[in-house]
């Protein structure tokens, strides 16, 4: 029997009928399911639904993410370390990371039952700071070094593979995976990478020198960044979750010891995703 666990967020409550329809479809196809406890608590009939505690090992063959990219990024932090494939079902706006929409759940369930899908392995990152623990040290999209909102610019002395690269001065520096190349990196002027590329991108945020441009490096690179500022601290953001680190501390960024396993529809292609999600086809 196939077992799935379902992640969502409180904003998905407005699509409660879609959630109920998905659960009904799963049951009708003989798939055992349960809903993450906090998400279930926001649903009108949540008390009567089978639930699971995300802090415990997941007993499932698939993780279903109901929501947008934020929900997907949360769910993948539980799925990826355990090697469980994740299926994104979009209930948000863009849903760049998702393969299905909530209006197309029949296809999602049918594909899972029939095995009519493929799994892409996506590089993830991990970060550590020598003077401040990072509670959730993994990221699928990006790790960003950012100035505090009220502080002056920061200087980021950056080394790649133990070789000094440069000192970035500006508002920050984004280190992203190919998956994250269409997120913060893109808005900061960085390049788009194909998801399977074995590369990382370093993209400065509002640099104070026009010569500072995005740099693409191999994904087995170890990147160390010593950040100084007139302020006492700066931010380290992992997929949007921030940690405050003291000025002068060193952050080390490298490839995580596991990859995210993302379910994709057969026939789906990177170029099609760009045309659809970024409206290049209009």
Protein backbone atom coordinates (compact mmCIF):
# COMPACT_ATOMS: atom_id res chain seq x y z
CA UNK A 1 0.00 0.00 0.00
CA UNK A 2 1.24 3.46 -0.88
CA UNK A 3 1.47 5.84 2.07
CA UNK A 4 1.62 9.62 1.73
CA UNK A 5 1.87 12.48 4.20
CA UNK A 6 0.47 15.93 3.44
CA UNK A 7 1.97 19.30 4.36
CA UNK A 8 0.14 22.61 4.01
CA UNK A 9 -0.28 25.98 5.67
CA UNK A 10 -3.10 27.94 7.24
CA UNK A 11 -3.67 29.91 4.04
CA UNK A 12 -4.68 26.65 2.35
CA UNK A 13 -7.81 26.56 4.49
CA UNK A 14 -9.53 28.77 1.91
CA UNK A 15 -9.18 25.83 -0.49
CA UNK A 16 -10.59 23.35 2.00
CA UNK A 17 -12.80 21.74 -0.63
CA UNK A 18 -9.71 21.03 -2.70
CA UNK A 19 -7.98 19.40 0.26
CA UNK A 20 -11.02 17.22 0.96
CA UNK A 21 -11.22 16.26 -2.70
CA UNK A 22 -7.56 15.22 -2.70
CA UNK A 23 -8.00 13.10 0.42
CA UNK A 24 -11.09 11.46 -1.08
CA UNK A 25 -9.18 10.63 -4.25
CA UNK A 26 -6.31 9.12 -2.27
CA UNK A 27 -8.69 6.92 -0.29
CA UNK A 28 -10.52 5.80 -3.43
CA UNK A 29 -7.21 4.63 -4.95
CA UNK A 30 -6.20 2.71 -1.83
CA UNK A 31 -3.54 5.21 -0.73
CA UNK A 32 -3.11 5.68 3.03
CA UNK A 33 -2.75 9.35 3.98
CA UNK A 34 -2.29 11.59 6.97
CA UNK A 35 -2.05 15.37 7.38
CA UNK A 36 0.62 17.31 9.24
CA UNK A 37 -0.82 18.12 12.66
CA UNK A 38 -0.49 21.90 12.59
CA UNK A 39 -2.00 22.13 9.10
CA UNK A 40 -4.89 19.90 10.17
CA UNK A 41 -5.61 22.17 13.13
CA UNK A 42 -6.55 24.96 10.69
CA UNK A 43 -9.00 22.80 8.74
CA UNK A 44 -12.71 22.86 9.72
CA UNK A 45 -12.81 19.07 10.24
CA UNK A 46 -9.17 18.73 11.25
CA UNK A 47 -9.89 17.04 14.57
CA UNK A 48 -11.42 14.07 12.73
CA UNK A 49 -8.55 13.62 10.24
CA UNK A 50 -5.58 11.25 10.55
CA UNK A 51 -2.53 13.34 11.44
CA UNK A 52 1.22 12.96 11.94
CA UNK A 53 3.91 14.79 13.87
CA UNK A 54 6.50 16.23 11.49
CA UNK A 55 9.18 16.11 14.18
CA UNK A 56 9.08 12.30 14.02
CA UNK A 57 10.43 10.13 11.15
CA UNK A 58 7.97 10.14 8.25
CA UNK A 59 6.30 6.81 7.49
CA UNK A 60 5.53 7.42 3.83
CA UNK A 61 6.60 6.75 0.26
CA UNK A 62 5.72 10.31 -0.81
CA UNK A 63 5.36 13.76 0.73
CA UNK A 64 2.62 15.94 -0.75
CA UNK A 65 3.03 19.71 -0.45
CA UNK A 66 -0.24 21.66 -0.73
CA UNK A 67 0.47 25.36 -1.20
CA UNK A 68 2.96 27.55 -2.99
CA UNK A 69 6.74 27.58 -3.02
CA UNK A 70 6.97 28.51 0.66
CA UNK A 71 5.07 25.39 1.69
CA UNK A 72 7.20 23.32 -0.67
CA UNK A 73 10.41 24.64 0.88
CA UNK A 74 9.13 23.77 4.35
CA UNK A 75 8.05 20.28 3.37
CA UNK A 76 11.29 19.48 1.59
CA UNK A 77 13.24 20.11 4.82
CA UNK A 78 11.48 17.07 6.28
CA UNK A 79 11.41 14.95 3.13
CA UNK A 80 14.93 15.42 1.78
CA UNK A 81 16.98 14.15 4.77
CA UNK A 82 14.90 10.95 4.68
CA UNK A 83 15.16 10.52 0.92
CA UNK A 84 11.39 10.73 0.41
CA UNK A 85 10.19 12.10 -2.95
CA UNK A 86 8.11 15.27 -2.70
CA UNK A 87 5.12 16.12 -4.88
CA UNK A 88 4.24 19.81 -5.19
CA UNK A 89 0.56 20.68 -5.64
CA UNK A 90 0.10 24.40 -6.15
CA UNK A 91 -2.53 26.23 -4.11
CA UNK A 92 -0.71 29.56 -4.18
CA UNK A 93 0.11 32.06 -6.91
CA UNK A 94 3.24 31.19 -8.91
CA UNK A 95 4.10 27.78 -7.49
CA UNK A 96 7.34 27.58 -9.47
CA UNK A 97 8.52 24.47 -7.63
CA UNK A 98 5.25 22.54 -7.96
CA UNK A 99 4.38 20.01 -10.67
CA UNK A 100 0.59 20.02 -10.30
CA UNK A 101 -2.20 22.44 -9.42
CA UNK A 102 -4.99 21.81 -6.91
CA UNK A 103 -7.40 21.71 -9.86
CA UNK A 104 -5.42 18.83 -11.37
CA UNK A 105 -5.14 16.49 -8.41
CA UNK A 106 -6.79 13.65 -10.32
CA UNK A 107 -3.72 13.52 -12.56
CA UNK A 108 -1.37 13.73 -9.56
CA UNK A 109 -3.00 10.77 -7.81
CA UNK A 110 -3.24 8.73 -11.01
CA UNK A 111 0.44 9.34 -11.77
CA UNK A 112 1.50 8.20 -8.29
CA UNK A 113 -0.53 4.99 -8.54
CA UNK A 114 0.64 4.13 -12.06
CA UNK A 115 4.26 5.22 -11.58
CA UNK A 116 3.80 7.69 -14.42
CA UNK A 117 6.35 10.22 -13.17
CA UNK A 118 10.07 10.83 -12.87
CA UNK A 119 12.16 11.96 -9.93
CA UNK A 120 14.67 14.77 -10.22
CA UNK A 121 17.44 15.01 -7.67
CA UNK A 122 18.07 18.62 -6.66
CA UNK A 123 21.21 19.93 -4.97
CA UNK A 124 20.74 21.42 -1.51
CA UNK A 125 23.02 23.65 0.56
CA UNK A 126 24.07 23.72 4.17
CA UNK A 127 25.54 26.59 6.18
CA UNK A 128 27.35 27.00 9.49
CA UNK A 129 28.57 30.03 11.42
CA UNK A 130 31.61 29.85 13.67
CA UNK A 131 30.09 32.14 16.33
CA UNK A 132 26.35 31.47 16.13
CA UNK A 133 24.45 28.16 15.78
CA UNK A 134 22.06 27.95 12.83
CA UNK A 135 18.97 26.06 13.94
CA UNK A 136 17.85 24.93 10.47
CA UNK A 137 21.05 24.73 8.43
CA UNK A 138 19.74 23.48 5.06
CA UNK A 139 18.34 25.23 2.00
CA UNK A 140 16.94 24.10 -1.35
CA UNK A 141 16.88 27.53 -3.00
CA UNK A 142 19.53 29.79 -1.53
CA UNK A 143 21.58 31.06 1.38
CA UNK A 144 21.89 34.83 1.56
CA UNK A 145 24.20 37.05 3.59
CA UNK A 146 22.27 40.28 4.17
CA UNK A 147 22.72 43.53 6.03
CA UNK A 148 20.31 44.30 8.84
CA UNK A 149 17.48 46.59 7.80
CA UNK A 150 18.84 49.55 9.77
CA UNK A 151 22.56 48.98 9.27
CA UNK A 152 25.04 50.35 6.76
CA UNK A 153 26.47 48.25 3.95
CA UNK A 154 28.41 45.12 4.73
CA UNK A 155 31.71 43.77 3.44
CA UNK A 156 31.83 40.06 2.61
CA UNK A 157 35.34 38.64 2.27
CA UNK A 158 34.65 35.60 0.12
CA UNK A 159 36.81 32.52 -0.45
CA UNK A 160 36.07 29.60 -2.81
CA UNK A 161 37.96 26.32 -2.36
CA UNK A 162 40.38 28.05 0.06
CA UNK A 163 41.31 30.60 -2.61
CA UNK A 164 40.33 34.26 -2.03
CA UNK A 165 37.76 35.40 -4.60
CA UNK A 166 36.89 39.00 -3.72
CA UNK A 167 35.41 41.28 -1.08
CA UNK A 168 31.85 42.15 -1.94
CA UNK A 169 30.59 45.44 -0.55
CA UNK A 170 26.88 46.17 -0.68
CA UNK A 171 23.57 44.95 0.71
CA UNK A 172 24.39 41.27 0.57
CA UNK A 173 25.41 38.14 -1.30
CA UNK A 174 23.19 35.29 -2.52
CA UNK A 175 24.57 31.77 -2.92
CA UNK A 176 22.01 29.67 -4.77
CA UNK A 177 21.47 26.21 -6.19
CA UNK A 178 20.17 25.63 -9.74
CA UNK A 179 16.70 25.22 -8.22
CA UNK A 180 17.03 28.58 -6.49
CA UNK A 181 18.41 30.36 -9.54
CA UNK A 182 14.87 31.52 -10.41
CA UNK A 183 14.26 32.92 -6.91
CA UNK A 184 16.21 35.67 -5.10
CA UNK A 185 19.16 35.15 -7.44
CA UNK A 186 17.05 36.05 -10.47
CA UNK A 187 15.69 39.24 -8.93
CA UNK A 188 19.26 40.25 -8.01
CA UNK A 189 20.38 39.90 -11.63
CA UNK A 190 21.85 36.39 -11.52
CA UNK A 191 21.60 33.76 -14.28
CA UNK A 192 19.02 31.00 -14.58
CA UNK A 193 20.50 27.50 -14.36
CA UNK A 194 18.99 24.24 -15.52
CA UNK A 195 17.98 22.25 -12.39
CA UNK A 196 20.35 19.38 -13.21
CA UNK A 197 23.43 21.64 -13.50
CA UNK A 198 26.22 20.75 -11.06
CA UNK A 199 26.78 24.41 -10.22
CA UNK A 200 26.19 27.14 -7.66
CA UNK A 201 25.86 30.87 -8.26
CA UNK A 202 27.25 33.73 -6.16
CA UNK A 203 25.27 36.89 -6.88
CA UNK A 204 25.94 40.19 -5.10
CA UNK A 205 22.94 42.23 -3.92
CA UNK A 206 23.21 45.94 -4.77
CA UNK A 207 27.03 45.90 -5.01
CA UNK A 208 28.92 49.17 -4.68
CA UNK A 209 31.11 48.33 -7.67
CA UNK A 210 29.88 47.76 -11.21
CA UNK A 211 32.65 45.19 -11.72
CA UNK A 212 31.02 42.84 -9.19
CA UNK A 213 29.08 40.31 -11.26
CA UNK A 214 27.48 36.93 -10.59
CA UNK A 215 29.92 34.01 -10.59
CA UNK A 216 29.08 30.37 -11.35
CA UNK A 217 31.16 27.73 -9.53
CA UNK A 218 31.09 23.96 -9.23
CA UNK A 219 28.61 22.63 -6.68
CA UNK A 220 31.35 20.80 -4.80
CA UNK A 221 32.92 24.15 -3.87
CA UNK A 222 33.23 25.14 -0.22
CA UNK A 223 32.48 28.85 0.14
CA UNK A 224 33.58 30.79 3.21
CA UNK A 225 32.40 34.34 3.87
CA UNK A 226 33.72 36.62 6.61
CA UNK A 227 31.26 39.51 6.99
CA UNK A 228 32.09 42.81 8.64
CA UNK A 229 29.87 45.82 9.22
CA UNK A 230 29.57 48.99 11.22
CA UNK A 231 26.59 47.27 12.74
CA UNK A 232 27.14 44.61 15.39
CA UNK A 233 25.44 41.94 13.32
CA UNK A 234 24.10 40.80 9.97
CA UNK A 235 21.56 38.27 8.70
CA UNK A 236 22.10 34.79 7.29
CA UNK A 237 18.95 33.70 5.48
CA UNK A 238 18.36 30.08 4.46
CA UNK A 239 15.36 29.89 2.13
CA UNK A 240 14.01 32.97 3.89
CA UNK A 241 14.57 31.78 7.46
CA UNK A 242 16.96 34.20 9.12
CA UNK A 243 19.68 33.85 11.74
CA UNK A 244 21.47 36.86 13.23
CA UNK A 245 25.26 36.45 13.24
CA UNK A 246 27.80 38.81 14.84
CA UNK A 247 29.94 41.06 12.68
CA UNK A 248 33.32 39.47 11.97
CA UNK A 249 32.02 35.92 12.06
CA UNK A 250 32.63 33.33 9.34
CA UNK A 251 29.86 31.53 7.47
CA UNK A 252 30.73 28.37 5.57
CA UNK A 253 28.43 27.25 2.75
CA UNK A 254 28.69 23.95 0.93
CA UNK A 255 26.63 21.22 -0.71
CA UNK A 256 24.39 19.33 1.70
CA UNK A 257 25.07 15.59 2.23
CA UNK A 258 21.69 14.70 0.65
CA UNK A 259 19.56 15.89 -2.24
CA UNK A 260 15.90 16.75 -2.56
CA UNK A 261 13.98 14.21 -4.63
CA UNK A 262 11.33 16.13 -6.58
CA UNK A 263 8.52 14.39 -8.48
CA UNK A 264 8.00 15.72 -11.99
CA UNK A 265 5.40 14.86 -14.60
CA UNK A 266 6.60 12.80 -17.54
CA UNK A 267 7.15 15.08 -20.49
CA UNK A 268 7.73 18.13 -18.32
CA UNK A 269 10.77 20.13 -19.43
CA UNK A 270 12.76 22.99 -17.95
CA UNK A 271 12.03 25.20 -20.96
CA UNK A 272 8.30 24.56 -20.64
CA UNK A 273 8.42 25.52 -16.97
CA UNK A 274 10.15 28.81 -17.77
CA UNK A 275 7.64 29.65 -20.47
CA UNK A 276 4.68 28.81 -18.25
CA UNK A 277 5.78 30.12 -14.86
CA UNK A 278 7.66 33.22 -16.08
CA UNK A 279 5.12 33.94 -18.81
CA UNK A 280 7.78 33.84 -21.52
CA UNK A 281 5.21 32.24 -23.81
CA UNK A 282 2.96 35.33 -23.80
